[in-house]
Amino acid sequence: MQLIGERSFNLEQIDGYGIIKKLSSLFIEDANNLLVESGLNHQAYRENERDPQSKLQSRTLKLESIEGTSYSSIENKKRIYFFSNYKSKQPFFHYLTTREKKNPDKLISYNDIFKECPQSGNNRGDRKGGTKPEGFYKQTKYRMEGNYTYCLFMQTSETLSLESNSHFFASLGGDQSLFKVTIVNAKDSEFPSNPIVEEEEGIVKLISHSYIKSLSDCYFSALETIDFRYIQTESGKTKNYSNMFFPSSKGEKEKQNSENRPTMSRLERLVSKGSVFYCKNAKKFVEKLNKERGFQTIGYNHYEIIYL
């Protein structure tokens, strides 16, 4: 095992990650087709609302506006934007779409990809043997169905030898689920890259979670947020992870401070993939996305552009 860089992710101090130059967003793949979020400017619904297995359809939400009122001055009146054909009584849920030429309008629900696997357990506490009636609980896990897989692309500074390292198993997630990892060579042209914005006005759709500081270049957005927490560590200095946050003694705390190394976790609020931004100046908006090189290096701040 070899560390890929000198330190963990740090928003203020951007460093390389060993031979890893860049990671793409994390996709779900179906038969060599990358699936992406359809975007929060679409509302999915079932052909038969009473049948959860009926065909999944989608409507594009139409953005309209009315003139708002201002109590301060007439000059400060602003436009109020809203989705005119949004149906609040229909449940809103996320779904994926594929760009395959044979079926460009294919919609895939997350429920079709991940199947529930309920499990029961018993928290016995201090009781030895037997069962504890009030300790029974239900835990729901999820299993990826069919031929669906996770997929990401990686650019490296040197050619990797894949003869002995192209297949292995890795434990991921909070419950340490076991995944089979397969590494294959790909062409440079296959690496998903952000498009160049040629026109000013347009819709920017996020295909990955993104770090955005300002929405001043947008006149409307439909978005969700997600927490992004990371632990700041530095190789060669972080020796004991079990007590890095809770020193057992004052002397140890002073020793940690004297090492002048970060020992705290950081929390940032990211905008979730699938969020859409209606931009009066899309060029400036994506410039801000592209400036966050640290996040783009690890697979964040990726987008698509839809011209109006």
C-alpha atoms as a PDB file:
ATOM      1  CA  MET A   1       0.000   0.000   0.000  1.00  0.00           C
ATOM      2  CA  GLN A   2       1.283   3.465  -0.902  1.00  0.00           C
ATOM      3  CA  LEU A   3      -0.059   6.909  -0.012  1.00  0.00           C
ATOM      4  CA  ILE A   4      -1.089   8.880  -3.086  1.00  0.00           C
ATOM      5  CA  GLY A   5      -0.086  12.272  -1.712  1.00  0.00           C
ATOM      6  CA  GLU A   6       1.413  14.195   1.167  1.00  0.00           C
ATOM      7  CA  ARG A   7      -1.884  15.123   2.812  1.00  0.00           C
ATOM      8  CA  SER A   8      -5.626  14.635   2.677  1.00  0.00           C
ATOM      9  CA  PHE A   9      -7.951  16.984   0.831  1.00  0.00           C
ATOM     10  CA  ASN A  10      -7.597  20.593   1.890  1.00  0.00           C
ATOM     11  CA  LEU A  11      -9.714  23.359   0.403  1.00  0.00           C
ATOM     12  CA  GLU A  12      -7.151  26.083   1.092  1.00  0.00           C
ATOM     13  CA  GLN A  13      -4.042  24.131   0.118  1.00  0.00           C
ATOM     14  CA  ILE A  14      -4.400  22.345  -3.213  1.00  0.00           C
ATOM     15  CA  ASP A  15      -1.836  19.615  -3.830  1.00  0.00           C
ATOM     16  CA  GLY A  16      -1.500  16.742  -6.235  1.00  0.00           C
ATOM     17  CA  TYR A  17      -2.429  13.185  -5.347  1.00  0.00           C
ATOM     18  CA  GLY A  18       0.655  11.287  -6.398  1.00  0.00           C
ATOM     19  CA  ILE A  19       0.345   9.992  -9.953  1.00  0.00           C
ATOM     20  CA  ILE A  20      -3.391  10.796  -9.994  1.00  0.00           C
ATOM     21  CA  LYS A  21      -3.878  13.936 -12.066  1.00  0.00           C
ATOM     22  CA  LYS A  22      -7.659  14.042 -12.210  1.00  0.00           C
ATOM     23  CA  LEU A  23     -10.806  12.056 -11.409  1.00  0.00           C
ATOM     24  CA  SER A  24     -14.110  12.264 -13.211  1.00  0.00           C
ATOM     25  CA  SER A  25     -17.487  12.367 -11.531  1.00  0.00           C
ATOM     26  CA  LEU A  26     -18.837   9.107 -10.176  1.00  0.00           C
ATOM     27  CA  PHE A  27     -21.405   7.694 -12.610  1.00  0.00           C
ATOM     28  CA  ILE A  28     -23.767   4.758 -12.653  1.00  0.00           C
ATOM     29  CA  GLU A  29     -23.187   2.725 -15.801  1.00  0.00           C
ATOM     30  CA  ASP A  30     -25.648   0.547 -17.683  1.00  0.00           C
ATOM     31  CA  ALA A  31     -24.361  -1.492 -20.638  1.00  0.00           C
ATOM     32  CA  ASN A  32     -21.526   0.975 -21.332  1.00  0.00           C
ATOM     33  CA  ASN A  33     -23.876   3.965 -21.092  1.00  0.00           C
ATOM     34  CA  LEU A  34     -23.214   6.587 -18.432  1.00  0.00           C
ATOM     35  CA  LEU A  35     -26.318   7.631 -16.518  1.00  0.00           C
ATOM     36  CA  VAL A  36     -26.742  11.188 -15.271  1.00  0.00           C
ATOM     37  CA  GLU A  37     -29.357  13.027 -13.252  1.00  0.00           C
ATOM     38  CA  SER A  38     -32.139  14.356 -15.458  1.00  0.00           C
ATOM     39  CA  GLY A  39     -32.141  17.638 -13.547  1.00  0.00           C
ATOM     40  CA  LEU A  40     -34.482  19.384 -11.137  1.00  0.00           C
ATOM     41  CA  ASN A  41     -36.108  21.192 -14.056  1.00  0.00           C
ATOM     42  CA  HIS A  42     -37.864  17.926 -14.907  1.00  0.00           C
ATOM     43  CA  GLN A  43     -40.662  16.200 -13.023  1.00  0.00           C
ATOM     44  CA  ALA A  44     -41.099  12.462 -13.386  1.00  0.00           C
ATOM     45  CA  TYR A  45     -44.403  10.661 -13.094  1.00  0.00           C
ATOM     46  CA  ARG A  46     -45.827   7.212 -13.709  1.00  0.00           C
ATOM     47  CA  GLU A  47     -48.090   6.554 -16.681  1.00  0.00           C
ATOM     48  CA  ASN A  48     -50.461   4.952 -14.187  1.00  0.00           C
ATOM     49  CA  GLU A  49     -50.042   6.618 -10.788  1.00  0.00           C
ATOM     50  CA  ARG A  50     -51.636   3.628  -9.045  1.00  0.00           C
ATOM     51  CA  ASP A  51     -49.149   1.196 -10.567  1.00  0.00           C
ATOM     52  CA  PRO A  52     -45.562   1.709  -9.307  1.00  0.00           C
ATOM     53  CA  GLN A  53     -44.308  -0.515 -12.135  1.00  0.00           C
ATOM     54  CA  SER A  54     -45.916   1.457 -14.946  1.00  0.00           C
ATOM     55  CA  LYS A  55     -43.819   3.341 -17.478  1.00  0.00           C
ATOM     56  CA  LEU A  56     -41.844   6.279 -16.155  1.00  0.00           C
ATOM     57  CA  GLN A  57     -42.393   9.543 -17.995  1.00  0.00           C
ATOM     58  CA  SER A  58     -41.118  13.081 -17.582  1.00  0.00           C
ATOM     59  CA  ARG A  59     -42.206  16.636 -18.213  1.00  0.00           C
ATOM     60  CA  THR A  60     -39.867  19.567 -18.666  1.00  0.00           C
ATOM     61  CA  LEU A  61     -40.789  22.306 -16.240  1.00  0.00           C
ATOM     62  CA  LYS A  62     -41.509  25.668 -17.856  1.00  0.00           C
ATOM     63  CA  LEU A  63     -40.000  28.705 -16.220  1.00  0.00           C
ATOM     64  CA  GLU A  64     -42.226  31.774 -16.181  1.00  0.00           C
ATOM     65  CA  SER A  65     -42.147  35.028 -14.282  1.00  0.00           C
ATOM     66  CA  ILE A  66     -44.357  37.784 -12.986  1.00  0.00           C
ATOM     67  CA  GLU A  67     -43.539  41.260 -11.799  1.00  0.00           C
ATOM     68  CA  GLY A  68     -43.007  41.366  -8.064  1.00  0.00           C
ATOM     69  CA  THR A  69     -43.785  44.192  -5.692  1.00  0.00           C
ATOM     70  CA  SER A  70     -41.369  46.165  -3.582  1.00  0.00           C
ATOM     71  CA  TYR A  71     -42.272  48.125  -0.482  1.00  0.00           C
ATOM     72  CA  SER A  72     -39.114  50.233  -0.675  1.00  0.00           C
ATOM     73  CA  SER A  73     -39.374  51.816  -4.111  1.00  0.00           C
ATOM     74  CA  ILE A  74     -40.963  51.257  -7.483  1.00  0.00           C
ATOM     75  CA  GLU A  75     -37.533  51.077  -9.133  1.00  0.00           C
ATOM     76  CA  ASN A  76     -36.577  48.004  -7.083  1.00  0.00           C
ATOM     77  CA  LYS A  77     -39.323  45.802  -8.463  1.00  0.00           C
ATOM     78  CA  LYS A  78     -37.969  42.398  -9.426  1.00  0.00           C
ATOM     79  CA  ARG A  79     -39.235  39.502 -11.489  1.00  0.00           C
ATOM     80  CA  ILE A  80     -40.520  36.483  -9.566  1.00  0.00           C
ATOM     81  CA  TYR A  81     -39.769  33.200 -11.336  1.00  0.00           C
ATOM     82  CA  PHE A  82     -41.607  29.896 -10.937  1.00  0.00           C
ATOM     83  CA  PHE A  83     -42.291  26.594 -12.713  1.00  0.00           C
ATOM     84  CA  SER A  84     -45.754  27.043 -14.192  1.00  0.00           C
ATOM     85  CA  ASN A  85     -46.487  23.370 -14.951  1.00  0.00           C
ATOM     86  CA  TYR A  86     -45.148  21.883 -11.707  1.00  0.00           C
ATOM     87  CA  LYS A  87     -47.738  19.612 -10.079  1.00  0.00           C
ATOM     88  CA  SER A  88     -47.336  19.630  -6.329  1.00  0.00           C
ATOM     89  CA  LYS A  89     -49.648  16.651  -5.794  1.00  0.00           C
ATOM     90  CA  GLN A  90     -47.385  14.369  -7.766  1.00  0.00           C
ATOM     91  CA  PRO A  91     -44.436  13.031  -5.757  1.00  0.00           C
ATOM     92  CA  PHE A  92     -41.112  14.515  -6.814  1.00  0.00           C
ATOM     93  CA  PHE A  93     -38.293  12.016  -7.055  1.00  0.00           C
ATOM     94  CA  HIS A  94     -34.891  11.830  -8.679  1.00  0.00           C
ATOM     95  CA  TYR A  95     -34.290   9.708 -11.731  1.00  0.00           C
ATOM     96  CA  LEU A  96     -31.530   9.085 -14.229  1.00  0.00           C
ATOM     97  CA  THR A  97     -31.354   9.324 -17.975  1.00  0.00           C
ATOM     98  CA  THR A  98     -29.003   7.930 -20.597  1.00  0.00           C
ATOM     99  CA  ARG A  99     -27.789   9.535 -23.788  1.00  0.00           C
ATOM    100  CA  GLU A 100     -27.640   6.371 -25.835  1.00  0.00           C
ATOM    101  CA  LYS A 101     -28.665   7.103 -29.435  1.00  0.00           C
ATOM    102  CA  LYS A 102     -31.043   4.146 -29.644  1.00  0.00           C
ATOM    103  CA  ASN A 103     -33.143   5.301 -26.715  1.00  0.00           C
ATOM    104  CA  PRO A 104     -32.301   8.901 -25.727  1.00  0.00           C
ATOM    105  CA  ASP A 105     -35.486   9.353 -23.686  1.00  0.00           C
ATOM    106  CA  LYS A 106     -35.002   6.296 -21.487  1.00  0.00           C
ATOM    107  CA  LEU A 107     -35.726   7.121 -17.847  1.00  0.00           C
ATOM    108  CA  ILE A 108     -34.436   5.036 -14.968  1.00  0.00           C
ATOM    109  CA  SER A 109     -35.622   5.344 -11.398  1.00  0.00           C
ATOM    110  CA  TYR A 110     -33.221   4.808  -8.513  1.00  0.00           C
ATOM    111  CA  ASN A 111     -35.698   2.217  -7.257  1.00  0.00           C
ATOM    112  CA  ASP A 112     -34.962   0.172 -10.383  1.00  0.00           C
ATOM    113  CA  ILE A 113     -31.232   0.254  -9.652  1.00  0.00           C
ATOM    114  CA  PHE A 114     -31.159  -0.240  -5.886  1.00  0.00           C
ATOM    115  CA  LYS A 115     -33.354  -2.886  -4.252  1.00  0.00           C
ATOM    116  CA  GLU A 116     -34.162  -2.886  -0.566  1.00  0.00           C
ATOM    117  CA  CYS A 117     -32.757  -5.705   1.559  1.00  0.00           C
ATOM    118  CA  PRO A 118     -34.405  -5.447   4.998  1.00  0.00           C
ATOM    119  CA  GLN A 119     -32.672  -7.191   7.882  1.00  0.00           C
ATOM    120  CA  SER A 120     -33.696  -7.644  11.495  1.00  0.00           C
ATOM    121  CA  GLY A 121     -31.466  -7.618  14.538  1.00  0.00           C
ATOM    122  CA  ASN A 122     -31.549  -7.575  18.310  1.00  0.00           C
ATOM    123  CA  ASN A 123     -29.693  -5.277  20.672  1.00  0.00           C
ATOM    124  CA  ARG A 124     -29.177  -7.452  23.722  1.00  0.00           C
ATOM    125  CA  GLY A 125     -27.448  -4.805  25.815  1.00  0.00           C
ATOM    126  CA  ASP A 126     -26.141  -6.265  29.091  1.00  0.00           C
ATOM    127  CA  ARG A 127     -28.295  -9.344  28.854  1.00  0.00           C
ATOM    128  CA  LYS A 128     -26.373 -12.561  28.266  1.00  0.00           C
ATOM    129  CA  GLY A 129     -28.155 -15.130  26.140  1.00  0.00           C
ATOM    130  CA  GLY A 130     -31.777 -15.099  25.087  1.00  0.00           C
ATOM    131  CA  THR A 131     -33.417 -12.092  23.474  1.00  0.00           C
ATOM    132  CA  LYS A 132     -34.424  -8.617  24.525  1.00  0.00           C
ATOM    133  CA  PRO A 133     -37.975  -7.910  23.268  1.00  0.00           C
ATOM    134  CA  GLU A 134     -37.551  -4.143  23.254  1.00  0.00           C
ATOM    135  CA  GLY A 135     -34.192  -4.494  21.513  1.00  0.00           C
ATOM    136  CA  PHE A 136     -35.462  -5.756  18.159  1.00  0.00           C
ATOM    137  CA  TYR A 137     -34.846  -3.436  15.243  1.00  0.00           C
ATOM    138  CA  LYS A 138     -35.078  -3.385  11.463  1.00  0.00           C
ATOM    139  CA  GLN A 139     -32.208  -2.296   9.251  1.00  0.00           C
ATOM    140  CA  THR A 140     -32.627  -1.623   5.540  1.00  0.00           C
ATOM    141  CA  LYS A 141     -29.712  -2.078   3.175  1.00  0.00           C
ATOM    142  CA  TYR A 142     -29.645  -1.751  -0.596  1.00  0.00           C
ATOM    143  CA  ARG A 143     -28.318  -3.993  -3.345  1.00  0.00           C
ATOM    144  CA  MET A 144     -27.420  -2.858  -6.855  1.00  0.00           C
ATOM    145  CA  GLU A 145     -29.455  -4.764  -9.418  1.00  0.00           C
ATOM    146  CA  GLY A 146     -28.668  -6.364 -12.768  1.00  0.00           C
ATOM    147  CA  ASN A 147     -25.828  -5.022 -14.875  1.00  0.00           C
ATOM    148  CA  TYR A 148     -25.629  -1.638 -13.165  1.00  0.00           C
ATOM    149  CA  THR A 149     -22.190  -0.638 -11.907  1.00  0.00           C
ATOM    150  CA  TYR A 150     -20.409   2.400 -10.544  1.00  0.00           C
ATOM    151  CA  CYS A 151     -17.944   3.957 -12.944  1.00  0.00           C
ATOM    152  CA  LEU A 152     -15.337   6.712 -12.858  1.00  0.00           C
ATOM    153  CA  PHE A 153     -12.408   7.775 -15.023  1.00  0.00           C
ATOM    154  CA  MET A 154      -8.919   8.561 -13.788  1.00  0.00           C
ATOM    155  CA  GLN A 155      -6.067  10.402 -15.490  1.00  0.00           C
ATOM    156  CA  THR A 156      -2.560   9.535 -14.311  1.00  0.00           C
ATOM    157  CA  SER A 157       0.833  11.097 -14.901  1.00  0.00           C
ATOM    158  CA  GLU A 158       2.348   7.767 -15.882  1.00  0.00           C
ATOM    159  CA  THR A 159       1.203   4.541 -17.486  1.00  0.00           C
ATOM    160  CA  LEU A 160      -0.003   1.946 -15.008  1.00  0.00           C
ATOM    161  CA  SER A 161       0.747  -1.746 -15.241  1.00  0.00           C
ATOM    162  CA  LEU A 162      -2.641  -3.428 -15.026  1.00  0.00           C
ATOM    163  CA  GLU A 163      -1.515  -7.029 -15.404  1.00  0.00           C
ATOM    164  CA  SER A 164      -1.690  -7.836 -11.686  1.00  0.00           C
ATOM    165  CA  ASN A 165      -3.747  -4.914 -10.331  1.00  0.00           C
ATOM    166  CA  SER A 166      -6.710  -4.711 -12.701  1.00  0.00           C
ATOM    167  CA  HIS A 167      -9.094  -6.786 -10.555  1.00  0.00           C
ATOM    168  CA  PHE A 168      -9.543  -6.611  -6.796  1.00  0.00           C
ATOM    169  CA  PHE A 169     -12.185  -6.247  -4.082  1.00  0.00           C
ATOM    170  CA  ALA A 170     -12.709  -3.126  -1.980  1.00  0.00           C
ATOM    171  CA  SER A 171     -14.856  -2.410   1.083  1.00  0.00           C
ATOM    172  CA  LEU A 172     -16.770   0.852   0.713  1.00  0.00           C
ATOM    173  CA  GLY A 173     -19.481   2.723   2.575  1.00  0.00           C
ATOM    174  CA  GLY A 174     -20.598   2.881   6.166  1.00  0.00           C
ATOM    175  CA  ASP A 175     -21.504  -0.810   6.281  1.00  0.00           C
ATOM    176  CA  GLN A 176     -18.287  -1.834   4.479  1.00  0.00           C
ATOM    177  CA  SER A 177     -20.052  -3.358   1.484  1.00  0.00           C
ATOM    178  CA  LEU A 178     -17.776  -5.419  -0.733  1.00  0.00           C
ATOM    179  CA  PHE A 179     -17.351  -4.264  -4.345  1.00  0.00           C
ATOM    180  CA  LYS A 180     -15.427  -5.850  -7.187  1.00  0.00           C
ATOM    181  CA  VAL A 181     -13.178  -3.249  -8.817  1.00  0.00           C
ATOM    182  CA  THR A 182     -12.043  -3.618 -12.423  1.00  0.00           C
ATOM    183  CA  ILE A 183      -9.568  -1.209 -14.022  1.00  0.00           C
ATOM    184  CA  VAL A 184      -9.313  -0.959 -17.810  1.00  0.00           C
ATOM    185  CA  ASN A 185      -7.467   1.363 -20.149  1.00  0.00           C
ATOM    186  CA  ALA A 186      -9.552   4.092 -21.765  1.00  0.00           C
ATOM    187  CA  LYS A 187      -8.888   6.619 -24.499  1.00  0.00           C
ATOM    188  CA  ASP A 188      -8.330  10.254 -23.586  1.00  0.00           C
ATOM    189  CA  SER A 189     -11.417  11.145 -25.611  1.00  0.00           C
ATOM    190  CA  GLU A 190     -13.568   8.999 -23.315  1.00  0.00           C
ATOM    191  CA  PHE A 191     -12.782  11.096 -20.237  1.00  0.00           C
ATOM    192  CA  PRO A 192     -15.917  13.166 -19.468  1.00  0.00           C
ATOM    193  CA  SER A 193     -14.930  16.818 -19.675  1.00  0.00           C
ATOM    194  CA  ASN A 194     -16.812  20.020 -18.977  1.00  0.00           C
ATOM    195  CA  PRO A 195     -18.146  21.715 -22.119  1.00  0.00           C
ATOM    196  CA  ILE A 196     -16.903  25.103 -23.282  1.00  0.00           C
ATOM    197  CA  VAL A 197     -19.643  27.699 -22.887  1.00  0.00           C
ATOM    198  CA  GLU A 198     -20.142  29.592 -26.142  1.00  0.00           C
ATOM    199  CA  GLU A 199     -23.223  31.631 -25.301  1.00  0.00           C
ATOM    200  CA  GLU A 200     -23.958  33.769 -22.287  1.00  0.00           C
ATOM    201  CA  GLU A 201     -27.560  32.852 -21.478  1.00  0.00           C
ATOM    202  CA  GLY A 202     -28.262  29.219 -20.702  1.00  0.00           C
ATOM    203  CA  ILE A 203     -29.063  26.538 -18.137  1.00  0.00           C
ATOM    204  CA  VAL A 204     -26.201  24.909 -16.256  1.00  0.00           C
ATOM    205  CA  LYS A 205     -26.983  21.439 -14.912  1.00  0.00           C
ATOM    206  CA  LEU A 206     -24.669  19.840 -12.377  1.00  0.00           C
ATOM    207  CA  ILE A 207     -23.677  16.238 -13.061  1.00  0.00           C
ATOM    208  CA  SER A 208     -21.721  16.077  -9.808  1.00  0.00           C
ATOM    209  CA  HIS A 209     -21.942  17.661  -6.393  1.00  0.00           C
ATOM    210  CA  SER A 210     -20.305  21.076  -6.632  1.00  0.00           C
ATOM    211  CA  TYR A 211     -18.739  23.756  -4.480  1.00  0.00           C
ATOM    212  CA  ILE A 212     -20.287  27.109  -5.421  1.00  0.00           C
ATOM    213  CA  LYS A 213     -19.537  30.358  -3.624  1.00  0.00           C
ATOM    214  CA  SER A 214     -21.910  32.724  -5.419  1.00  0.00           C
ATOM    215  CA  LEU A 215     -25.128  32.595  -7.444  1.00  0.00           C
ATOM    216  CA  SER A 216     -24.962  36.217  -8.562  1.00  0.00           C
ATOM    217  CA  ASP A 217     -24.851  35.227 -12.243  1.00  0.00           C
ATOM    218  CA  CYS A 218     -28.167  33.333 -12.010  1.00  0.00           C
ATOM    219  CA  TYR A 219     -31.671  34.718 -12.022  1.00  0.00           C
ATOM    220  CA  PHE A 220     -33.265  31.414 -10.947  1.00  0.00           C
ATOM    221  CA  SER A 221     -32.131  28.060  -9.627  1.00  0.00           C
ATOM    222  CA  ALA A 222     -33.653  24.765  -8.562  1.00  0.00           C
ATOM    223  CA  LEU A 223     -31.192  23.152  -6.194  1.00  0.00           C
ATOM    224  CA  GLU A 224     -30.567  20.866  -3.272  1.00  0.00           C
ATOM    225  CA  THR A 225     -27.566  20.775  -0.960  1.00  0.00           C
ATOM    226  CA  ILE A 226     -25.493  18.076   0.690  1.00  0.00           C
ATOM    227  CA  ASP A 227     -22.909  18.125   3.486  1.00  0.00           C
ATOM    228  CA  PHE A 228     -19.289  17.466   2.558  1.00  0.00           C
ATOM    229  CA  ARG A 229     -17.071  16.666   5.516  1.00  0.00           C
ATOM    230  CA  TYR A 230     -13.395  15.808   5.342  1.00  0.00           C
ATOM    231  CA  ILE A 231     -10.672  15.183   7.912  1.00  0.00           C
ATOM    232  CA  GLN A 232      -7.483  17.173   7.578  1.00  0.00           C
ATOM    233  CA  THR A 233      -4.459  14.935   8.043  1.00  0.00           C
ATOM    234  CA  GLU A 234      -0.869  14.987   6.891  1.00  0.00           C
ATOM    235  CA  SER A 235       1.191  11.890   6.169  1.00  0.00           C
ATOM    236  CA  GLY A 236       4.204  11.489   8.423  1.00  0.00           C
ATOM    237  CA  LYS A 237       2.646  13.591  11.180  1.00  0.00           C
ATOM    238  CA  THR A 238      -0.714  11.998  11.931  1.00  0.00           C
ATOM    239  CA  LYS A 239       0.305   9.014  14.030  1.00  0.00           C
ATOM    240  CA  ASN A 240      -2.739   8.201  16.133  1.00  0.00           C
ATOM    241  CA  TYR A 241      -6.164   8.610  14.539  1.00  0.00           C
ATOM    242  CA  SER A 242      -8.031   7.284  17.583  1.00  0.00           C
ATOM    243  CA  ASN A 243      -7.278  10.322  19.738  1.00  0.00           C
ATOM    244  CA  MET A 244      -6.596  13.050  17.182  1.00  0.00           C
ATOM    245  CA  PHE A 245      -9.772  14.870  18.249  1.00  0.00           C
ATOM    246  CA  PHE A 246      -9.767  13.989  21.958  1.00  0.00           C
ATOM    247  CA  PRO A 247      -6.279  14.151  23.515  1.00  0.00           C
ATOM    248  CA  SER A 248      -6.033  12.001  26.637  1.00  0.00           C
ATOM    249  CA  SER A 249      -3.992  14.581  28.533  1.00  0.00           C
ATOM    250  CA  LYS A 250      -3.049  18.226  28.490  1.00  0.00           C
ATOM    251  CA  GLY A 251       0.518  17.325  27.675  1.00  0.00           C
ATOM    252  CA  GLU A 252      -0.533  15.371  24.625  1.00  0.00           C
ATOM    253  CA  LYS A 253      -2.695  18.280  23.477  1.00  0.00           C
ATOM    254  CA  GLU A 254       0.251  20.647  23.751  1.00  0.00           C
ATOM    255  CA  LYS A 255       2.350  18.151  21.823  1.00  0.00           C
ATOM    256  CA  GLN A 256      -0.229  18.048  19.057  1.00  0.00           C
ATOM    257  CA  ASN A 257      -0.291  21.839  18.863  1.00  0.00           C
ATOM    258  CA  SER A 258       3.481  21.973  18.737  1.00  0.00           C
ATOM    259  CA  GLU A 259       3.466  19.691  15.704  1.00  0.00           C
ATOM    260  CA  ASN A 260       1.480  22.426  13.931  1.00  0.00           C
ATOM    261  CA  ARG A 261      -0.633  19.962  11.989  1.00  0.00           C
ATOM    262  CA  PRO A 262      -4.368  20.067  11.264  1.00  0.00           C
ATOM    263  CA  THR A 263      -6.382  17.826  13.562  1.00  0.00           C
ATOM    264  CA  MET A 264      -9.940  18.921  12.849  1.00  0.00           C
ATOM    265  CA  SER A 265     -12.597  17.888  10.391  1.00  0.00           C
ATOM    266  CA  ARG A 266     -14.047  20.471   8.051  1.00  0.00           C
ATOM    267  CA  LEU A 267     -17.628  20.792   6.875  1.00  0.00           C
ATOM    268  CA  GLU A 268     -18.652  22.433   3.615  1.00  0.00           C
ATOM    269  CA  ARG A 269     -22.086  22.682   2.032  1.00  0.00           C
ATOM    270  CA  LEU A 270     -22.123  21.504  -1.589  1.00  0.00           C
ATOM    271  CA  VAL A 271     -24.853  21.876  -4.191  1.00  0.00           C
ATOM    272  CA  SER A 272     -26.191  18.449  -5.191  1.00  0.00           C
ATOM    273  CA  LYS A 273     -25.906  16.967  -8.662  1.00  0.00           C
ATOM    274  CA  GLY A 274     -29.036  17.457 -10.737  1.00  0.00           C
ATOM    275  CA  SER A 275     -29.408  21.062  -9.578  1.00  0.00           C
ATOM    276  CA  VAL A 276     -30.032  23.538 -12.393  1.00  0.00           C
ATOM    277  CA  PHE A 277     -29.152  27.215 -12.728  1.00  0.00           C
ATOM    278  CA  TYR A 278     -30.771  29.633 -15.152  1.00  0.00           C
ATOM    279  CA  CYS A 279     -27.934  32.016 -15.924  1.00  0.00           C
ATOM    280  CA  LYS A 280     -27.936  35.482 -17.377  1.00  0.00           C
ATOM    281  CA  ASN A 281     -24.207  34.971 -17.854  1.00  0.00           C
ATOM    282  CA  ALA A 282     -23.368  31.272 -18.042  1.00  0.00           C
ATOM    283  CA  LYS A 283     -19.749  32.008 -18.956  1.00  0.00           C
ATOM    284  CA  LYS A 284     -19.055  33.732 -15.657  1.00  0.00           C
ATOM    285  CA  PHE A 285     -20.963  31.080 -13.723  1.00  0.00           C
ATOM    286  CA  VAL A 286     -18.946  28.148 -15.107  1.00  0.00           C
ATOM    287  CA  GLU A 287     -15.723  30.119 -14.694  1.00  0.00           C
ATOM    288  CA  LYS A 288     -16.396  30.103 -10.963  1.00  0.00           C
ATOM    289  CA  LEU A 289     -17.055  26.352 -11.080  1.00  0.00           C
ATOM    290  CA  ASN A 290     -13.810  25.739 -12.953  1.00  0.00           C
ATOM    291  CA  LYS A 291     -11.779  27.880 -10.542  1.00  0.00           C
ATOM    292  CA  GLU A 292     -12.315  25.322  -7.782  1.00  0.00           C
ATOM    293  CA  ARG A 293      -9.494  23.139  -9.076  1.00  0.00           C
ATOM    294  CA  GLY A 294      -9.204  21.200  -5.849  1.00  0.00           C
ATOM    295  CA  PHE A 295     -12.762  19.943  -6.114  1.00  0.00           C
ATOM    296  CA  GLN A 296     -12.540  19.268  -9.858  1.00  0.00           C
ATOM    297  CA  THR A 297      -9.438  17.161  -9.312  1.00  0.00           C
ATOM    298  CA  ILE A 298     -11.367  14.754  -7.076  1.00  0.00           C
ATOM    299  CA  GLY A 299     -14.471  14.545  -9.283  1.00  0.00           C
ATOM    300  CA  TYR A 300     -16.620  17.503  -8.210  1.00  0.00           C
ATOM    301  CA  ASN A 301     -17.733  20.712  -9.985  1.00  0.00           C
ATOM    302  CA  HIS A 302     -18.716  19.052 -13.255  1.00  0.00           C
ATOM    303  CA  TYR A 303     -21.626  20.266 -15.336  1.00  0.00           C
ATOM    304  CA  GLU A 304     -23.556  20.274 -18.596  1.00  0.00           C
ATOM    305  CA  ILE A 305     -24.883  23.301 -20.473  1.00  0.00           C
ATOM    306  CA  ILE A 306     -28.342  23.652 -22.016  1.00  0.00           C
ATOM    307  CA  TYR A 307     -28.795  26.688 -24.246  1.00  0.00           C
ATOM    308  CA  LEU A 308     -32.108  28.514 -24.121  1.00  0.00           C
END
